[in-house]
Amino acid sequence: MTEETREIRVRRLIYRSRYTGTKETDLILGNFADRYLAHLDDRLLDEYEALIENSDPDLYMWISGRKPVPREWDGEIMRQLQNFKLGD
């Protein structure tokens, strides 16, 4: 089996971010991923990849501030997502 390159990993995560299954998270995560994933270091990519394994409703509620973020997901990526503006 061939090891995944960083470029392929970023493209895979961008694709997954665009097609989460919920329109709201598709928009937020897809646009965030397009703009920032290629520039994140491996540690933050790991954090992002683990975070998006959560359910779409939970992600949306945490990012939008409608529910408190559980401690295990309240890291740098979550803060970046909460501060991300689609129109920027």
PDB file of N, CA and C in Angstrom:
ATOM      1  N   MET A   1       0.838  -1.177   0.000  1.00  0.00           N
ATOM      2  CA  MET A   1       0.000   0.000   0.000  1.00  0.00           C
ATOM      3  C   MET A   1       0.888   1.248   0.000  1.00  0.00           C
ATOM      4  N   THR A   2       0.546   2.204  -0.819  1.00  0.00           N
ATOM      5  CA  THR A   2       1.309   3.438  -0.931  1.00  0.00           C
ATOM      6  C   THR A   2       0.913   4.402   0.177  1.00  0.00           C
ATOM      7  N   GLU A   3       1.921   5.016   0.782  1.00  0.00           N
ATOM      8  CA  GLU A   3       1.647   5.995   1.828  1.00  0.00           C
ATOM      9  C   GLU A   3       1.076   7.271   1.207  1.00  0.00           C
ATOM     10  N   GLU A   4       0.104   7.840   1.877  1.00  0.00           N
ATOM     11  CA  GLU A   4      -0.544   9.054   1.399  1.00  0.00           C
ATOM     12  C   GLU A   4       0.403  10.246   1.534  1.00  0.00           C
ATOM     13  N   THR A   5       0.566  11.006   0.460  1.00  0.00           N
ATOM     14  CA  THR A   5       1.384  12.212   0.526  1.00  0.00           C
ATOM     15  C   THR A   5       0.592  13.320   1.211  1.00  0.00           C
ATOM     16  N   ARG A   6       1.299  14.342   1.626  1.00  0.00           N
ATOM     17  CA  ARG A   6       0.629  15.490   2.249  1.00  0.00           C
ATOM     18  C   ARG A   6      -0.368  16.126   1.277  1.00  0.00           C
ATOM     19  N   GLU A   7       0.018  16.279   0.022  1.00  0.00           N
ATOM     20  CA  GLU A   7      -0.868  16.891  -0.973  1.00  0.00           C
ATOM     21  C   GLU A   7      -2.155  16.089  -1.140  1.00  0.00           C
ATOM     22  N   ILE A   8      -2.031  14.782  -1.215  1.00  0.00           N
ATOM     23  CA  ILE A   8      -3.224  13.939  -1.353  1.00  0.00           C
ATOM     24  C   ILE A   8      -4.069  14.016  -0.089  1.00  0.00           C
ATOM     25  N   ARG A   9      -3.431  14.033   1.065  1.00  0.00           N
ATOM     26  CA  ARG A   9      -4.176  14.146   2.324  1.00  0.00           C
ATOM     27  C   ARG A   9      -4.983  15.439   2.364  1.00  0.00           C
ATOM     28  N   VAL A  10      -4.357  16.540   2.012  1.00  0.00           N
ATOM     29  CA  VAL A  10      -5.056  17.825   2.017  1.00  0.00           C
ATOM     30  C   VAL A  10      -6.229  17.790   1.034  1.00  0.00           C
ATOM     31  N   ARG A  11      -6.011  17.267  -0.154  1.00  0.00           N
ATOM     32  CA  ARG A  11      -7.110  17.182  -1.139  1.00  0.00           C
ATOM     33  C   ARG A  11      -8.241  16.298  -0.634  1.00  0.00           C
ATOM     34  N   ARG A  12      -7.906  15.186   0.021  1.00  0.00           N
ATOM     35  CA  ARG A  12      -8.924  14.294   0.578  1.00  0.00           C
ATOM     36  C   ARG A  12      -9.727  15.008   1.655  1.00  0.00           C
ATOM     37  N   LEU A  13      -9.046  15.736   2.526  1.00  0.00           N
ATOM     38  CA  LEU A  13      -9.743  16.455   3.597  1.00  0.00           C
ATOM     39  C   LEU A  13     -10.602  17.589   3.043  1.00  0.00           C
ATOM     40  N   ILE A  14     -10.142  18.254   2.004  1.00  0.00           N
ATOM     41  CA  ILE A  14     -10.958  19.298   1.378  1.00  0.00           C
ATOM     42  C   ILE A  14     -12.225  18.675   0.804  1.00  0.00           C
ATOM     43  N   TYR A  15     -12.076  17.564   0.113  1.00  0.00           N
ATOM     44  CA  TYR A  15     -13.249  16.883  -0.453  1.00  0.00           C
ATOM     45  C   TYR A  15     -14.224  16.483   0.654  1.00  0.00           C
ATOM     46  N   ARG A  16     -13.719  15.851   1.704  1.00  0.00           N
ATOM     47  CA  ARG A  16     -14.586  15.446   2.824  1.00  0.00           C
ATOM     48  C   ARG A  16     -15.262  16.642   3.461  1.00  0.00           C
ATOM     49  N   SER A  17     -14.573  17.773   3.507  1.00  0.00           N
ATOM     50  CA  SER A  17     -15.130  18.978   4.115  1.00  0.00           C
ATOM     51  C   SER A  17     -16.251  19.572   3.271  1.00  0.00           C
ATOM     52  N   ARG A  18     -16.169  19.421   1.978  1.00  0.00           N
ATOM     53  CA  ARG A  18     -17.198  19.963   1.078  1.00  0.00           C
ATOM     54  C   ARG A  18     -18.454  19.110   1.050  1.00  0.00           C
ATOM     55  N   TYR A  19     -18.315  17.844   1.357  1.00  0.00           N
ATOM     56  CA  TYR A  19     -19.428  16.895   1.233  1.00  0.00           C
ATOM     57  C   TYR A  19     -19.641  16.146   2.544  1.00  0.00           C
ATOM     58  N   THR A  20     -20.047  16.890   3.554  1.00  0.00           N
ATOM     59  CA  THR A  20     -20.249  16.294   4.875  1.00  0.00           C
ATOM     60  C   THR A  20     -21.608  15.622   4.996  1.00  0.00           C
ATOM     61  N   GLY A  21     -22.565  16.090   4.221  1.00  0.00           N
ATOM     62  CA  GLY A  21     -23.915  15.551   4.315  1.00  0.00           C
ATOM     63  C   GLY A  21     -24.922  16.571   4.821  1.00  0.00           C
ATOM     64  N   THR A  22     -24.447  17.672   5.353  1.00  0.00           N
ATOM     65  CA  THR A  22     -25.315  18.745   5.832  1.00  0.00           C
ATOM     66  C   THR A  22     -24.873  20.043   5.167  1.00  0.00           C
ATOM     67  N   LYS A  23     -25.811  20.753   4.570  1.00  0.00           N
ATOM     68  CA  LYS A  23     -25.494  21.957   3.803  1.00  0.00           C
ATOM     69  C   LYS A  23     -24.698  22.974   4.619  1.00  0.00           C
ATOM     70  N   GLU A  24     -25.108  23.198   5.863  1.00  0.00           N
ATOM     71  CA  GLU A  24     -24.445  24.207   6.691  1.00  0.00           C
ATOM     72  C   GLU A  24     -22.979  23.857   6.934  1.00  0.00           C
ATOM     73  N   THR A  25     -22.726  22.593   7.288  1.00  0.00           N
ATOM     74  CA  THR A  25     -21.334  22.217   7.541  1.00  0.00           C
ATOM     75  C   THR A  25     -20.549  22.110   6.238  1.00  0.00           C
ATOM     76  N   ASP A  26     -21.217  21.735   5.135  1.00  0.00           N
ATOM     77  CA  ASP A  26     -20.539  21.752   3.824  1.00  0.00           C
ATOM     78  C   ASP A  26     -19.988  23.145   3.539  1.00  0.00           C
ATOM     79  N   LEU A  27     -20.809  24.158   3.770  1.00  0.00           N
ATOM     80  CA  LEU A  27     -20.397  25.532   3.485  1.00  0.00           C
ATOM     81  C   LEU A  27     -19.267  25.999   4.393  1.00  0.00           C
ATOM     82  N   ILE A  28     -19.435  25.768   5.677  1.00  0.00           N
ATOM     83  CA  ILE A  28     -18.413  26.232   6.626  1.00  0.00           C
ATOM     84  C   ILE A  28     -17.111  25.467   6.444  1.00  0.00           C
ATOM     85  N   LEU A  29     -17.188  24.142   6.548  1.00  0.00           N
ATOM     86  CA  LEU A  29     -15.969  23.335   6.492  1.00  0.00           C
ATOM     87  C   LEU A  29     -15.335  23.364   5.110  1.00  0.00           C
ATOM     88  N   GLY A  30     -16.158  23.323   4.066  1.00  0.00           N
ATOM     89  CA  GLY A  30     -15.619  23.338   2.708  1.00  0.00           C
ATOM     90  C   GLY A  30     -14.854  24.604   2.404  1.00  0.00           C
ATOM     91  N   ASN A  31     -15.424  25.736   2.748  1.00  0.00           N
ATOM     92  CA  ASN A  31     -14.744  27.011   2.504  1.00  0.00           C
ATOM     93  C   ASN A  31     -13.515  27.177   3.393  1.00  0.00           C
ATOM     94  N   PHE A  32     -13.624  26.763   4.644  1.00  0.00           N
ATOM     95  CA  PHE A  32     -12.471  26.814   5.549  1.00  0.00           C
ATOM     96  C   PHE A  32     -11.343  25.948   5.000  1.00  0.00           C
ATOM     97  N   ALA A  33     -11.681  24.724   4.597  1.00  0.00           N
ATOM     98  CA  ALA A  33     -10.681  23.789   4.081  1.00  0.00           C
ATOM     99  C   ALA A  33     -10.014  24.336   2.825  1.00  0.00           C
ATOM    100  N   ASP A  34     -10.817  24.879   1.900  1.00  0.00           N
ATOM    101  CA  ASP A  34     -10.254  25.461   0.676  1.00  0.00           C
ATOM    102  C   ASP A  34      -9.220  26.532   1.006  1.00  0.00           C
ATOM    103  N   ARG A  35      -9.533  27.341   1.977  1.00  0.00           N
ATOM    104  CA  ARG A  35      -8.693  28.489   2.292  1.00  0.00           C
ATOM    105  C   ARG A  35      -7.470  28.149   3.142  1.00  0.00           C
ATOM    106  N   TYR A  36      -7.604  27.211   4.092  1.00  0.00           N
ATOM    107  CA  TYR A  36      -6.554  27.071   5.105  1.00  0.00           C
ATOM    108  C   TYR A  36      -5.829  25.728   5.187  1.00  0.00           C
ATOM    109  N   LEU A  37      -6.423  24.644   4.755  1.00  0.00           N
ATOM    110  CA  LEU A  37      -5.813  23.339   5.034  1.00  0.00           C
ATOM    111  C   LEU A  37      -4.413  23.188   4.464  1.00  0.00           C
ATOM    112  N   ALA A  38      -4.165  23.688   3.280  1.00  0.00           N
ATOM    113  CA  ALA A  38      -2.838  23.532   2.666  1.00  0.00           C
ATOM    114  C   ALA A  38      -1.749  24.229   3.485  1.00  0.00           C
ATOM    115  N   HIS A  39      -2.135  25.188   4.325  1.00  0.00           N
ATOM    116  CA  HIS A  39      -1.168  25.965   5.094  1.00  0.00           C
ATOM    117  C   HIS A  39      -0.995  25.475   6.533  1.00  0.00           C
ATOM    118  N   LEU A  40      -1.809  24.496   6.954  1.00  0.00           N
ATOM    119  CA  LEU A  40      -1.713  24.001   8.326  1.00  0.00           C
ATOM    120  C   LEU A  40      -0.543  23.039   8.466  1.00  0.00           C
ATOM    121  N   ASP A  41       0.069  23.030   9.642  1.00  0.00           N
ATOM    122  CA  ASP A  41       1.106  22.033   9.886  1.00  0.00           C
ATOM    123  C   ASP A  41       0.446  20.684  10.160  1.00  0.00           C
ATOM    124  N   ASP A  42       1.250  19.638  10.231  1.00  0.00           N
ATOM    125  CA  ASP A  42       0.707  18.285  10.375  1.00  0.00           C
ATOM    126  C   ASP A  42      -0.090  18.106  11.665  1.00  0.00           C
ATOM    127  N   ARG A  43       0.343  18.744  12.728  1.00  0.00           N
ATOM    128  CA  ARG A  43      -0.382  18.638  14.005  1.00  0.00           C
ATOM    129  C   ARG A  43      -1.796  19.186  13.865  1.00  0.00           C
ATOM    130  N   LEU A  44      -1.934  20.342  13.213  1.00  0.00           N
ATOM    131  CA  LEU A  44      -3.257  20.934  13.043  1.00  0.00           C
ATOM    132  C   LEU A  44      -4.090  20.159  12.023  1.00  0.00           C
ATOM    133  N   LEU A  45      -3.446  19.595  11.020  1.00  0.00           N
ATOM    134  CA  LEU A  45      -4.190  18.725  10.095  1.00  0.00           C
ATOM    135  C   LEU A  45      -4.744  17.517  10.836  1.00  0.00           C
ATOM    136  N   ASP A  46      -3.950  16.941  11.733  1.00  0.00           N
ATOM    137  CA  ASP A  46      -4.422  15.814  12.550  1.00  0.00           C
ATOM    138  C   ASP A  46      -5.627  16.236  13.388  1.00  0.00           C
ATOM    139  N   GLU A  47      -5.522  17.419  13.998  1.00  0.00           N
ATOM    140  CA  GLU A  47      -6.614  17.932  14.833  1.00  0.00           C
ATOM    141  C   GLU A  47      -7.875  18.143  13.986  1.00  0.00           C
ATOM    142  N   TYR A  48      -7.718  18.724  12.814  1.00  0.00           N
ATOM    143  CA  TYR A  48      -8.855  18.962  11.919  1.00  0.00           C
ATOM    144  C   TYR A  48      -9.488  17.639  11.486  1.00  0.00           C
ATOM    145  N   GLU A  49      -8.653  16.699  11.076  1.00  0.00           N
ATOM    146  CA  GLU A  49      -9.169  15.417  10.594  1.00  0.00           C
ATOM    147  C   GLU A  49      -9.948  14.691  11.687  1.00  0.00           C
ATOM    148  N   ALA A  50      -9.444  14.701  12.903  1.00  0.00           N
ATOM    149  CA  ALA A  50     -10.154  14.065  14.016  1.00  0.00           C
ATOM    150  C   ALA A  50     -11.460  14.795  14.311  1.00  0.00           C
ATOM    151  N   LEU A  51     -11.430  16.114  14.276  1.00  0.00           N
ATOM    152  CA  LEU A  51     -12.617  16.907  14.576  1.00  0.00           C
ATOM    153  C   LEU A  51     -13.755  16.620  13.607  1.00  0.00           C
ATOM    154  N   ILE A  52     -13.468  16.515  12.324  1.00  0.00           N
ATOM    155  CA  ILE A  52     -14.547  16.342  11.349  1.00  0.00           C
ATOM    156  C   ILE A  52     -15.132  14.932  11.354  1.00  0.00           C
ATOM    157  N   GLU A  53     -14.607  14.067  12.200  1.00  0.00           N
ATOM    158  CA  GLU A  53     -15.225  12.752  12.391  1.00  0.00           C
ATOM    159  C   GLU A  53     -16.483  12.853  13.260  1.00  0.00           C
ATOM    160  N   ASN A  54     -16.678  13.977  13.920  1.00  0.00           N
ATOM    161  CA  ASN A  54     -17.877  14.189  14.734  1.00  0.00           C
ATOM    162  C   ASN A  54     -19.092  14.364  13.828  1.00  0.00           C
ATOM    163  N   SER A  55     -20.257  14.266  14.418  1.00  0.00           N
ATOM    164  CA  SER A  55     -21.492  14.403  13.641  1.00  0.00           C
ATOM    165  C   SER A  55     -21.654  15.842  13.142  1.00  0.00           C
ATOM    166  N   ASP A  56     -22.276  15.982  11.988  1.00  0.00           N
ATOM    167  CA  ASP A  56     -22.513  17.313  11.417  1.00  0.00           C
ATOM    168  C   ASP A  56     -23.309  18.216  12.355  1.00  0.00           C
ATOM    169  N   PRO A  57     -24.392  17.724  12.955  1.00  0.00           N
ATOM    170  CA  PRO A  57     -25.134  18.610  13.869  1.00  0.00           C
ATOM    171  C   PRO A  57     -24.280  19.105  15.036  1.00  0.00           C
ATOM    172  N   ASP A  58     -23.468  18.228  15.603  1.00  0.00           N
ATOM    173  CA  ASP A  58     -22.592  18.666  16.700  1.00  0.00           C
ATOM    174  C   ASP A  58     -21.596  19.711  16.215  1.00  0.00           C
ATOM    175  N   LEU A  59     -20.952  19.432  15.092  1.00  0.00           N
ATOM    176  CA  LEU A  59     -19.986  20.397  14.553  1.00  0.00           C
ATOM    177  C   LEU A  59     -20.625  21.754  14.335  1.00  0.00           C
ATOM    178  N   TYR A  60     -21.786  21.764  13.714  1.00  0.00           N
ATOM    179  CA  TYR A  60     -22.459  23.034  13.443  1.00  0.00           C
ATOM    180  C   TYR A  60     -22.785  23.777  14.744  1.00  0.00           C
ATOM    181  N   MET A  61     -23.305  23.060  15.716  1.00  0.00           N
ATOM    182  CA  MET A  61     -23.677  23.699  16.978  1.00  0.00           C
ATOM    183  C   MET A  61     -22.451  24.240  17.713  1.00  0.00           C
ATOM    184  N   TRP A  62     -21.345  23.507  17.687  1.00  0.00           N
ATOM    185  CA  TRP A  62     -20.121  23.968  18.353  1.00  0.00           C
ATOM    186  C   TRP A  62     -19.523  25.171  17.635  1.00  0.00           C
ATOM    187  N   ILE A  63     -19.425  25.075  16.309  1.00  0.00           N
ATOM    188  CA  ILE A  63     -18.817  26.159  15.540  1.00  0.00           C
ATOM    189  C   ILE A  63     -19.640  27.435  15.655  1.00  0.00           C
ATOM    190  N   SER A  64     -20.952  27.287  15.621  1.00  0.00           N
ATOM    191  CA  SER A  64     -21.832  28.459  15.684  1.00  0.00           C
ATOM    192  C   SER A  64     -21.997  29.011  17.099  1.00  0.00           C
ATOM    193  N   GLY A  65     -21.506  28.283  18.091  1.00  0.00           N
ATOM    194  CA  GLY A  65     -21.610  28.744  19.475  1.00  0.00           C
ATOM    195  C   GLY A  65     -22.950  28.446  20.112  1.00  0.00           C
ATOM    196  N   ARG A  66     -23.756  27.608  19.478  1.00  0.00           N
ATOM    197  CA  ARG A  66     -25.080  27.279  20.021  1.00  0.00           C
ATOM    198  C   ARG A  66     -25.018  26.213  21.097  1.00  0.00           C
ATOM    199  N   LYS A  67     -23.915  25.480  21.127  1.00  0.00           N
ATOM    200  CA  LYS A  67     -23.658  24.498  22.181  1.00  0.00           C
ATOM    201  C   LYS A  67     -22.206  24.649  22.602  1.00  0.00           C
ATOM    202  N   PRO A  68     -21.919  24.419  23.878  1.00  0.00           N
ATOM    203  CA  PRO A  68     -20.522  24.490  24.308  1.00  0.00           C
ATOM    204  C   PRO A  68     -19.697  23.382  23.649  1.00  0.00           C
ATOM    205  N   VAL A  69     -18.472  23.703  23.352  1.00  0.00           N
ATOM    206  CA  VAL A  69     -17.562  22.750  22.732  1.00  0.00           C
ATOM    207  C   VAL A  69     -16.990  21.845  23.822  1.00  0.00           C
ATOM    208  N   PRO A  70     -17.111  20.524  23.660  1.00  0.00           N
ATOM    209  CA  PRO A  70     -16.488  19.633  24.642  1.00  0.00           C
ATOM    210  C   PRO A  70     -14.980  19.884  24.715  1.00  0.00           C
ATOM    211  N   ARG A  71     -14.429  19.695  25.876  1.00  0.00           N
ATOM    212  CA  ARG A  71     -13.022  20.012  26.107  1.00  0.00           C
ATOM    213  C   ARG A  71     -12.095  19.342  25.087  1.00  0.00           C
ATOM    214  N   GLU A  72     -12.373  18.094  24.736  1.00  0.00           N
ATOM    215  CA  GLU A  72     -11.471  17.386  23.821  1.00  0.00           C
ATOM    216  C   GLU A  72     -11.458  17.976  22.413  1.00  0.00           C
ATOM    217  N   TRP A  73     -12.457  18.786  22.059  1.00  0.00           N
ATOM    218  CA  TRP A  73     -12.521  19.399  20.729  1.00  0.00           C
ATOM    219  C   TRP A  73     -12.281  20.904  20.769  1.00  0.00           C
ATOM    220  N   ASP A  74     -12.040  21.446  21.952  1.00  0.00           N
ATOM    221  CA  ASP A  74     -11.866  22.887  22.114  1.00  0.00           C
ATOM    222  C   ASP A  74     -10.390  23.261  21.960  1.00  0.00           C
ATOM    223  N   GLY A  75      -9.904  23.145  20.720  1.00  0.00           N
ATOM    224  CA  GLY A  75      -8.514  23.439  20.447  1.00  0.00           C
ATOM    225  C   GLY A  75      -8.362  24.549  19.424  1.00  0.00           C
ATOM    226  N   GLU A  76      -7.182  24.642  18.894  1.00  0.00           N
ATOM    227  CA  GLU A  76      -6.863  25.711  17.955  1.00  0.00           C
ATOM    228  C   GLU A  76      -7.736  25.666  16.698  1.00  0.00           C
ATOM    229  N   ILE A  77      -7.976  24.478  16.166  1.00  0.00           N
ATOM    230  CA  ILE A  77      -8.800  24.372  14.951  1.00  0.00           C
ATOM    231  C   ILE A  77     -10.225  24.830  15.228  1.00  0.00           C
ATOM    232  N   MET A  78     -10.787  24.438  16.355  1.00  0.00           N
ATOM    233  CA  MET A  78     -12.150  24.875  16.672  1.00  0.00           C
ATOM    234  C   MET A  78     -12.201  26.396  16.777  1.00  0.00           C
ATOM    235  N   ARG A  79     -11.224  26.991  17.392  1.00  0.00           N
ATOM    236  CA  ARG A  79     -11.208  28.458  17.503  1.00  0.00           C
ATOM    237  C   ARG A  79     -11.099  29.099  16.120  1.00  0.00           C
ATOM    238  N   GLN A  80     -10.275  28.516  15.255  1.00  0.00           N
ATOM    239  CA  GLN A  80     -10.168  29.048  13.884  1.00  0.00           C
ATOM    240  C   GLN A  80     -11.509  28.925  13.154  1.00  0.00           C
ATOM    241  N   LEU A  81     -12.174  27.795  13.312  1.00  0.00           N
ATOM    242  CA  LEU A  81     -13.481  27.601  12.677  1.00  0.00           C
ATOM    243  C   LEU A  81     -14.520  28.582  13.221  1.00  0.00           C
ATOM    244  N   GLN A  82     -14.505  28.800  14.521  1.00  0.00           N
ATOM    245  CA  GLN A  82     -15.469  29.725  15.126  1.00  0.00           C
ATOM    246  C   GLN A  82     -15.225  31.158  14.680  1.00  0.00           C
ATOM    247  N   ASN A  83     -13.997  31.504  14.376  1.00  0.00           N
ATOM    248  CA  ASN A  83     -13.661  32.857  13.922  1.00  0.00           C
ATOM    249  C   ASN A  83     -13.738  33.026  12.403  1.00  0.00           C
ATOM    250  N   PHE A  84     -13.885  31.908  11.703  1.00  0.00           N
ATOM    251  CA  PHE A  84     -13.921  31.941  10.235  1.00  0.00           C
ATOM    252  C   PHE A  84     -15.208  32.584   9.744  1.00  0.00           C
ATOM    253  N   LYS A  85     -15.067  33.494   8.804  1.00  0.00           N
ATOM    254  CA  LYS A  85     -16.216  34.159   8.201  1.00  0.00           C
ATOM    255  C   LYS A  85     -16.267  33.770   6.728  1.00  0.00           C
ATOM    256  N   LEU A  86     -17.415  33.280   6.267  1.00  0.00           N
ATOM    257  CA  LEU A  86     -17.538  32.809   4.884  1.00  0.00           C
ATOM    258  C   LEU A  86     -17.239  33.899   3.876  1.00  0.00           C
ATOM    259  N   GLY A  87     -17.558  35.132   4.179  1.00  0.00           N
ATOM    260  CA  GLY A  87     -17.386  36.210   3.213  1.00  0.00           C
ATOM    261  C   GLY A  87     -15.976  36.786   3.123  1.00  0.00           C
ATOM    262  N   ASP A  88     -15.080  36.371   4.008  1.00  0.00           N
ATOM    263  CA  ASP A  88     -13.726  36.941   4.032  1.00  0.00           C
ATOM    264  C   ASP A  88     -12.912  36.489   2.839  1.00  0.00           C
TER     265      ASP A  88
END
